[in-house]
Amino acid sequence: MPRNFQEYVRPVDEAERARLEALVREDYDRTHPDDSFDDMKRRIAFSRLDRGIYRGWLAVAAARSAGAPADDRHPNSHGDTHGLSPVFR
């Protein structure tokens, strides 16, 4: 999983992007009751913050897909309630 905030996951095609998003969509929606994953995706075109959050969640999805340890797989594994992945710590 990337540790530098400038390194992020680049899915090879839309099918891989959809697969990665499916791995974290439910967690994002559960941890953001006043927001949704799809709403956040719509905002990435004009919000640098949301773009970074999206990249972080994709990094978590890629780690989950690769079978990373539990602490690296869940964005809130260290008590973080803001939905930021470990990439941003």
Protein backbone atom coordinates (compact mmCIF):
# COMPACT_ATOMS: atom_id res chain seq x y z
CA MET A 1 0.00 0.00 0.00
CA PRO A 2 1.41 3.42 -0.87
CA ARG A 3 2.75 5.34 2.12
CA ASN A 4 3.50 8.57 0.30
CA PHE A 5 0.44 10.74 -0.29
CA GLN A 6 1.60 11.38 -3.86
CA GLU A 7 1.60 7.65 -4.68
CA TYR A 8 -1.86 6.37 -5.42
CA VAL A 9 -3.63 3.49 -7.06
CA ARG A 10 -4.23 3.74 -10.78
CA PRO A 11 -6.72 1.10 -11.92
CA VAL A 12 -5.90 -0.28 -15.36
CA ASP A 13 -9.50 -0.06 -16.59
CA GLU A 14 -13.04 0.79 -15.49
CA ALA A 15 -13.73 -2.83 -14.50
CA GLU A 16 -10.83 -2.78 -12.01
CA ARG A 17 -11.93 0.64 -10.71
CA ALA A 18 -15.46 -0.68 -10.15
CA ARG A 19 -14.10 -3.78 -8.39
CA LEU A 20 -11.90 -1.69 -6.08
CA GLU A 21 -14.70 0.77 -5.32
CA ALA A 22 -17.01 -2.12 -4.44
CA LEU A 23 -14.53 -3.24 -1.78
CA VAL A 24 -14.81 0.04 0.17
CA ARG A 25 -18.16 1.59 -0.83
CA GLU A 26 -20.10 0.05 2.06
CA ASP A 27 -17.46 1.05 4.63
CA TYR A 28 -17.40 4.63 3.34
CA ASP A 29 -21.19 4.89 3.43
CA ARG A 30 -21.29 3.38 6.94
CA THR A 31 -18.64 5.74 8.31
CA HIS A 32 -20.15 8.81 6.60
CA PRO A 33 -23.88 8.75 7.43
CA ASP A 34 -24.47 12.23 5.96
CA ASP A 35 -22.61 11.47 2.73
CA SER A 36 -22.31 8.69 0.19
CA PHE A 37 -19.46 7.24 -1.80
CA ASP A 38 -21.15 8.29 -5.05
CA ASP A 39 -21.59 11.89 -3.81
CA MET A 40 -17.91 12.02 -2.85
CA LYS A 41 -16.98 10.69 -6.32
CA ARG A 42 -19.02 13.47 -7.96
CA ARG A 43 -17.15 16.09 -5.93
CA ILE A 44 -13.65 14.90 -6.91
CA ALA A 45 -13.85 16.89 -10.15
CA PHE A 46 -13.66 20.15 -8.20
CA SER A 47 -12.53 19.26 -4.66
CA ARG A 48 -8.90 18.45 -3.94
CA LEU A 49 -9.87 17.21 -0.49
CA ASP A 50 -12.40 14.73 -1.89
CA ARG A 51 -9.95 13.66 -4.59
CA GLY A 52 -7.41 12.84 -1.89
CA ILE A 53 -9.99 11.01 0.21
CA TYR A 54 -11.06 9.00 -2.85
CA ARG A 55 -7.44 8.07 -3.59
CA GLY A 56 -7.01 7.00 0.01
CA TRP A 57 -10.05 4.76 -0.13
CA LEU A 58 -8.82 3.24 -3.41
CA ALA A 59 -5.49 2.53 -1.72
CA VAL A 60 -7.35 0.74 1.07
CA ALA A 61 -9.29 -1.24 -1.54
CA ALA A 62 -6.07 -2.21 -3.32
CA ALA A 63 -4.56 -3.35 -0.01
CA ARG A 64 -7.66 -5.40 0.75
CA SER A 65 -7.51 -6.92 -2.71
CA ALA A 66 -3.87 -7.85 -2.17
CA GLY A 67 -4.62 -9.38 1.25
CA ALA A 68 -2.90 -6.76 3.43
CA PRO A 69 -2.98 -7.13 7.24
CA ALA A 70 -6.13 -5.87 8.97
CA ASP A 71 -4.56 -2.64 10.27
CA ASP A 72 -3.72 -1.54 6.72
CA ARG A 73 -7.03 -2.66 5.26
CA HIS A 74 -9.53 -0.63 7.24
CA PRO A 75 -9.40 3.17 7.15
CA ASN A 76 -10.65 3.45 10.73
CA SER A 77 -8.48 0.73 12.28
CA HIS A 78 -6.58 3.28 14.40
CA GLY A 79 -9.62 5.05 15.80
CA ASP A 80 -9.77 7.59 12.98
CA THR A 81 -13.39 8.66 12.54
CA HIS A 82 -12.79 10.94 9.57
CA GLY A 83 -12.71 8.20 6.96
CA LEU A 84 -9.14 8.87 5.90
CA SER A 85 -7.10 5.85 5.01
CA PRO A 86 -3.71 5.10 6.60
CA VAL A 87 -2.16 6.70 3.50
CA PHE A 88 -2.92 10.11 5.01
CA ARG A 89 -1.45 9.49 8.45
